[in-house]
Amino acid sequence: MQKKLYRVREGKVLAGVCGGLGEYFNVDPTVIRVIWALLCLSGTGILAYIVCALIIPEKA
């Protein structure tokens, strides 16, 4: 069975992107959130998060 990337509904903080990435890569979403926060300090993380929130579908 193929793995699919989705935004999560349960346990989401903003749009569920980090939670979905955590499920997809089998990593704790907190680790993904810390990495994303570091990317936001450089400015590219905010734009990338918005794009991901718009493109990645929400889990049904």
PDB file of N, CA and C in Angstrom:
ATOM      1  N   MET A   1       0.836  -1.181   0.000  1.00  0.00           N
ATOM      2  CA  MET A   1       0.000   0.000   0.000  1.00  0.00           C
ATOM      3  C   MET A   1       0.882   1.246   0.000  1.00  0.00           C
ATOM      4  N   GLN A   2       0.517   2.231  -0.807  1.00  0.00           N
ATOM      5  CA  GLN A   2       1.283   3.467  -0.897  1.00  0.00           C
ATOM      6  C   GLN A   2       0.947   4.403   0.255  1.00  0.00           C
ATOM      7  N   LYS A   3       1.979   5.078   0.747  1.00  0.00           N
ATOM      8  CA  LYS A   3       1.770   6.105   1.767  1.00  0.00           C
ATOM      9  C   LYS A   3       1.360   7.391   1.068  1.00  0.00           C
ATOM     10  N   LYS A   4       0.417   8.110   1.670  1.00  0.00           N
ATOM     11  CA  LYS A   4      -0.020   9.386   1.123  1.00  0.00           C
ATOM     12  C   LYS A   4       0.155  10.463   2.185  1.00  0.00           C
ATOM     13  N   LEU A   5       0.487  11.631   1.746  1.00  0.00           N
ATOM     14  CA  LEU A   5       0.697  12.759   2.642  1.00  0.00           C
ATOM     15  C   LEU A   5      -0.605  13.533   2.790  1.00  0.00           C
ATOM     16  N   TYR A   6      -1.050  13.675   4.040  1.00  0.00           N
ATOM     17  CA  TYR A   6      -2.257  14.421   4.363  1.00  0.00           C
ATOM     18  C   TYR A   6      -1.990  15.348   5.534  1.00  0.00           C
ATOM     19  N   ARG A   7      -2.798  16.419   5.638  1.00  0.00           N
ATOM     20  CA  ARG A   7      -2.813  17.228   6.848  1.00  0.00           C
ATOM     21  C   ARG A   7      -3.720  16.527   7.844  1.00  0.00           C
ATOM     22  N   VAL A   8      -3.374  16.572   9.120  1.00  0.00           N
ATOM     23  CA  VAL A   8      -4.160  15.875  10.134  1.00  0.00           C
ATOM     24  C   VAL A   8      -5.223  16.801  10.721  1.00  0.00           C
ATOM     25  N   ARG A   9      -6.273  16.189  11.257  1.00  0.00           N
ATOM     26  CA  ARG A   9      -7.311  16.949  11.954  1.00  0.00           C
ATOM     27  C   ARG A   9      -7.078  16.907  13.450  1.00  0.00           C
ATOM     28  N   GLU A  10      -6.752  15.712  13.979  1.00  0.00           N
ATOM     29  CA  GLU A  10      -6.521  15.572  15.420  1.00  0.00           C
ATOM     30  C   GLU A  10      -5.078  15.927  15.744  1.00  0.00           C
ATOM     31  N   GLY A  11      -4.887  16.712  16.748  1.00  0.00           N
ATOM     32  CA  GLY A  11      -3.555  17.060  17.199  1.00  0.00           C
ATOM     33  C   GLY A  11      -2.892  18.151  16.387  1.00  0.00           C
ATOM     34  N   LYS A  12      -3.685  18.872  15.613  1.00  0.00           N
ATOM     35  CA  LYS A  12      -3.070  19.927  14.814  1.00  0.00           C
ATOM     36  C   LYS A  12      -2.922  21.187  15.642  1.00  0.00           C
ATOM     37  N   VAL A  13      -1.946  21.997  15.289  1.00  0.00           N
ATOM     38  CA  VAL A  13      -1.726  23.257  15.980  1.00  0.00           C
ATOM     39  C   VAL A  13      -2.241  24.407  15.109  1.00  0.00           C
ATOM     40  N   LEU A  14      -1.778  24.496  13.879  1.00  0.00           N
ATOM     41  CA  LEU A  14      -2.274  25.529  12.964  1.00  0.00           C
ATOM     42  C   LEU A  14      -3.130  24.898  11.870  1.00  0.00           C
ATOM     43  N   ALA A  15      -2.481  24.317  10.887  1.00  0.00           N
ATOM     44  CA  ALA A  15      -3.218  23.737   9.761  1.00  0.00           C
ATOM     45  C   ALA A  15      -3.051  22.223   9.677  1.00  0.00           C
ATOM     46  N   GLY A  16      -2.246  21.636  10.541  1.00  0.00           N
ATOM     47  CA  GLY A  16      -2.055  20.189  10.532  1.00  0.00           C
ATOM     48  C   GLY A  16      -0.945  19.705   9.624  1.00  0.00           C
ATOM     49  N   VAL A  17      -0.157  20.620   9.083  1.00  0.00           N
ATOM     50  CA  VAL A  17       0.914  20.249   8.160  1.00  0.00           C
ATOM     51  C   VAL A  17       2.000  19.454   8.874  1.00  0.00           C
ATOM     52  N   CYS A  18       2.463  19.939  10.004  1.00  0.00           N
ATOM     53  CA  CYS A  18       3.541  19.255  10.730  1.00  0.00           C
ATOM     54  C   CYS A  18       3.092  17.892  11.247  1.00  0.00           C
ATOM     55  N   GLY A  19       1.852  17.799  11.686  1.00  0.00           N
ATOM     56  CA  GLY A  19       1.322  16.517  12.125  1.00  0.00           C
ATOM     57  C   GLY A  19       1.253  15.520  10.985  1.00  0.00           C
ATOM     58  N   GLY A  20       0.845  15.987   9.825  1.00  0.00           N
ATOM     59  CA  GLY A  20       0.796  15.126   8.643  1.00  0.00           C
ATOM     60  C   GLY A  20       2.173  14.675   8.201  1.00  0.00           C
ATOM     61  N   LEU A  21       3.133  15.587   8.243  1.00  0.00           N
ATOM     62  CA  LEU A  21       4.512  15.208   7.899  1.00  0.00           C
ATOM     63  C   LEU A  21       5.077  14.221   8.909  1.00  0.00           C
ATOM     64  N   GLY A  22       4.723  14.405  10.174  1.00  0.00           N
ATOM     65  CA  GLY A  22       5.169  13.479  11.209  1.00  0.00           C
ATOM     66  C   GLY A  22       4.625  12.080  10.996  1.00  0.00           C
ATOM     67  N   GLU A  23       3.344  11.977  10.627  1.00  0.00           N
ATOM     68  CA  GLU A  23       2.762  10.666  10.332  1.00  0.00           C
ATOM     69  C   GLU A  23       3.392  10.047   9.091  1.00  0.00           C
ATOM     70  N   TYR A  24       3.629  10.854   8.076  1.00  0.00           N
ATOM     71  CA  TYR A  24       4.180  10.347   6.816  1.00  0.00           C
ATOM     72  C   TYR A  24       5.591   9.790   7.004  1.00  0.00           C
ATOM     73  N   PHE A  25       6.430  10.524   7.748  1.00  0.00           N
ATOM     74  CA  PHE A  25       7.816  10.102   7.961  1.00  0.00           C
ATOM     75  C   PHE A  25       8.003   9.281   9.233  1.00  0.00           C
ATOM     76  N   ASN A  26       6.909   9.024   9.958  1.00  0.00           N
ATOM     77  CA  ASN A  26       6.941   8.234  11.200  1.00  0.00           C
ATOM     78  C   ASN A  26       7.889   8.873  12.227  1.00  0.00           C
ATOM     79  N   VAL A  27       7.712  10.183  12.407  1.00  0.00           N
ATOM     80  CA  VAL A  27       8.519  10.977  13.333  1.00  0.00           C
ATOM     81  C   VAL A  27       7.549  11.765  14.215  1.00  0.00           C
ATOM     82  N   ASP A  28       7.962  12.065  15.434  1.00  0.00           N
ATOM     83  CA  ASP A  28       7.145  12.866  16.331  1.00  0.00           C
ATOM     84  C   ASP A  28       6.902  14.251  15.712  1.00  0.00           C
ATOM     85  N   PRO A  29       5.648  14.704  15.647  1.00  0.00           N
ATOM     86  CA  PRO A  29       5.365  16.013  15.048  1.00  0.00           C
ATOM     87  C   PRO A  29       6.068  17.177  15.750  1.00  0.00           C
ATOM     88  N   THR A  30       6.427  17.012  17.015  1.00  0.00           N
ATOM     89  CA  THR A  30       7.147  18.070  17.724  1.00  0.00           C
ATOM     90  C   THR A  30       8.507  18.328  17.087  1.00  0.00           C
ATOM     91  N   VAL A  31       9.165  17.272  16.641  1.00  0.00           N
ATOM     92  CA  VAL A  31      10.466  17.418  15.967  1.00  0.00           C
ATOM     93  C   VAL A  31      10.281  18.203  14.666  1.00  0.00           C
ATOM     94  N   ILE A  32       9.230  17.885  13.929  1.00  0.00           N
ATOM     95  CA  ILE A  32       8.949  18.596  12.681  1.00  0.00           C
ATOM     96  C   ILE A  32       8.647  20.062  12.972  1.00  0.00           C
ATOM     97  N   ARG A  33       7.907  20.328  14.031  1.00  0.00           N
ATOM     98  CA  ARG A  33       7.577  21.719  14.390  1.00  0.00           C
ATOM     99  C   ARG A  33       8.815  22.523  14.760  1.00  0.00           C
ATOM    100  N   VAL A  34       9.754  21.908  15.474  1.00  0.00           N
ATOM    101  CA  VAL A  34      10.998  22.603  15.841  1.00  0.00           C
ATOM    102  C   VAL A  34      11.815  22.920  14.587  1.00  0.00           C
ATOM    103  N   ILE A  35      11.921  21.960  13.693  1.00  0.00           N
ATOM    104  CA  ILE A  35      12.658  22.192  12.442  1.00  0.00           C
ATOM    105  C   ILE A  35      11.984  23.295  11.636  1.00  0.00           C
ATOM    106  N   TRP A  36      10.650  23.254  11.580  1.00  0.00           N
ATOM    107  CA  TRP A  36       9.924  24.271  10.826  1.00  0.00           C
ATOM    108  C   TRP A  36      10.095  25.646  11.456  1.00  0.00           C
ATOM    109  N   ALA A  37      10.133  25.718  12.786  1.00  0.00           N
ATOM    110  CA  ALA A  37      10.345  26.996  13.471  1.00  0.00           C
ATOM    111  C   ALA A  37      11.716  27.569  13.132  1.00  0.00           C
ATOM    112  N   LEU A  38      12.708  26.698  13.044  1.00  0.00           N
ATOM    113  CA  LEU A  38      14.043  27.166  12.651  1.00  0.00           C
ATOM    114  C   LEU A  38      14.041  27.678  11.213  1.00  0.00           C
ATOM    115  N   LEU A  39      13.286  27.029  10.338  1.00  0.00           N
ATOM    116  CA  LEU A  39      13.181  27.513   8.961  1.00  0.00           C
ATOM    117  C   LEU A  39      12.458  28.856   8.896  1.00  0.00           C
ATOM    118  N   CYS A  40      11.513  29.066   9.801  1.00  0.00           N
ATOM    119  CA  CYS A  40      10.787  30.334   9.822  1.00  0.00           C
ATOM    120  C   CYS A  40      11.696  31.503  10.192  1.00  0.00           C
ATOM    121  N   LEU A  41      12.727  31.234  10.947  1.00  0.00           N
ATOM    122  CA  LEU A  41      13.670  32.296  11.315  1.00  0.00           C
ATOM    123  C   LEU A  41      14.397  32.836  10.091  1.00  0.00           C
ATOM    124  N   SER A  42      14.574  31.997   9.077  1.00  0.00           N
ATOM    125  CA  SER A  42      15.235  32.454   7.860  1.00  0.00           C
ATOM    126  C   SER A  42      14.249  33.096   6.884  1.00  0.00           C
ATOM    127  N   GLY A  43      12.959  32.974   7.165  1.00  0.00           N
ATOM    128  CA  GLY A  43      11.958  33.603   6.312  1.00  0.00           C
ATOM    129  C   GLY A  43      11.317  32.675   5.304  1.00  0.00           C
ATOM    130  N   THR A  44      11.990  31.613   4.929  1.00  0.00           N
ATOM    131  CA  THR A  44      11.441  30.709   3.923  1.00  0.00           C
ATOM    132  C   THR A  44      10.411  29.751   4.499  1.00  0.00           C
ATOM    133  N   GLY A  45      10.471  29.511   5.778  1.00  0.00           N
ATOM    134  CA  GLY A  45       9.570  28.551   6.403  1.00  0.00           C
ATOM    135  C   GLY A  45       8.124  29.006   6.416  1.00  0.00           C
ATOM    136  N   ILE A  46       7.891  30.290   6.573  1.00  0.00           N
ATOM    137  CA  ILE A  46       6.522  30.807   6.616  1.00  0.00           C
ATOM    138  C   ILE A  46       5.847  30.615   5.265  1.00  0.00           C
ATOM    139  N   LEU A  47       6.527  30.977   4.217  1.00  0.00           N
ATOM    140  CA  LEU A  47       5.975  30.817   2.873  1.00  0.00           C
ATOM    141  C   LEU A  47       5.773  29.340   2.543  1.00  0.00           C
ATOM    142  N   ALA A  48       6.731  28.504   2.911  1.00  0.00           N
ATOM    143  CA  ALA A  48       6.616  27.069   2.651  1.00  0.00           C
ATOM    144  C   ALA A  48       5.444  26.465   3.410  1.00  0.00           C
ATOM    145  N   TYR A  49       5.212  26.894   4.636  1.00  0.00           N
ATOM    146  CA  TYR A  49       4.090  26.386   5.428  1.00  0.00           C
ATOM    147  C   TYR A  49       2.761  26.767   4.789  1.00  0.00           C
ATOM    148  N   ILE A  50       2.648  27.988   4.338  1.00  0.00           N
ATOM    149  CA  ILE A  50       1.412  28.442   3.696  1.00  0.00           C
ATOM    150  C   ILE A  50       1.154  27.650   2.420  1.00  0.00           C
ATOM    151  N   VAL A  51       2.191  27.441   1.631  1.00  0.00           N
ATOM    152  CA  VAL A  51       2.045  26.661   0.406  1.00  0.00           C
ATOM    153  C   VAL A  51       1.631  25.234   0.720  1.00  0.00           C
ATOM    154  N   CYS A  52       2.266  24.620   1.714  1.00  0.00           N
ATOM    155  CA  CYS A  52       1.916  23.252   2.113  1.00  0.00           C
ATOM    156  C   CYS A  52       0.482  23.170   2.632  1.00  0.00           C
ATOM    157  N   ALA A  53       0.053  24.166   3.386  1.00  0.00           N
ATOM    158  CA  ALA A  53      -1.305  24.172   3.922  1.00  0.00           C
ATOM    159  C   ALA A  53      -2.336  24.272   2.800  1.00  0.00           C
ATOM    160  N   LEU A  54      -1.983  24.940   1.721  1.00  0.00           N
ATOM    161  CA  LEU A  54      -2.890  25.065   0.596  1.00  0.00           C
ATOM    162  C   LEU A  54      -2.879  23.849  -0.322  1.00  0.00           C
ATOM    163  N   ILE A  55      -1.717  23.203  -0.465  1.00  0.00           N
ATOM    164  CA  ILE A  55      -1.575  22.118  -1.431  1.00  0.00           C
ATOM    165  C   ILE A  55      -1.908  20.748  -0.843  1.00  0.00           C
ATOM    166  N   ILE A  56      -1.465  20.475   0.368  1.00  0.00           N
ATOM    167  CA  ILE A  56      -1.653  19.144   0.961  1.00  0.00           C
ATOM    168  C   ILE A  56      -3.110  18.996   1.381  1.00  0.00           C
ATOM    169  N   PRO A  57      -3.789  17.943   0.917  1.00  0.00           N
ATOM    170  CA  PRO A  57      -5.201  17.762   1.295  1.00  0.00           C
ATOM    171  C   PRO A  57      -5.358  17.327   2.742  1.00  0.00           C
ATOM    172  N   GLU A  58      -6.516  17.654   3.311  1.00  0.00           N
ATOM    173  CA  GLU A  58      -6.797  17.256   4.696  1.00  0.00           C
ATOM    174  C   GLU A  58      -7.267  15.818   4.723  1.00  0.00           C
ATOM    175  N   LYS A  59      -6.855  15.086   5.757  1.00  0.00           N
ATOM    176  CA  LYS A  59      -7.231  13.683   5.908  1.00  0.00           C
ATOM    177  C   LYS A  59      -8.731  13.580   6.150  1.00  0.00           C
ATOM    178  N   ALA A  60      -9.363  12.714   5.425  1.00  0.00           N
ATOM    179  CA  ALA A  60     -10.825  12.557   5.528  1.00  0.00           C
ATOM    180  C   ALA A  60     -11.228  11.776   6.748  1.00  0.00           C
TER     181      ALA A  60
END
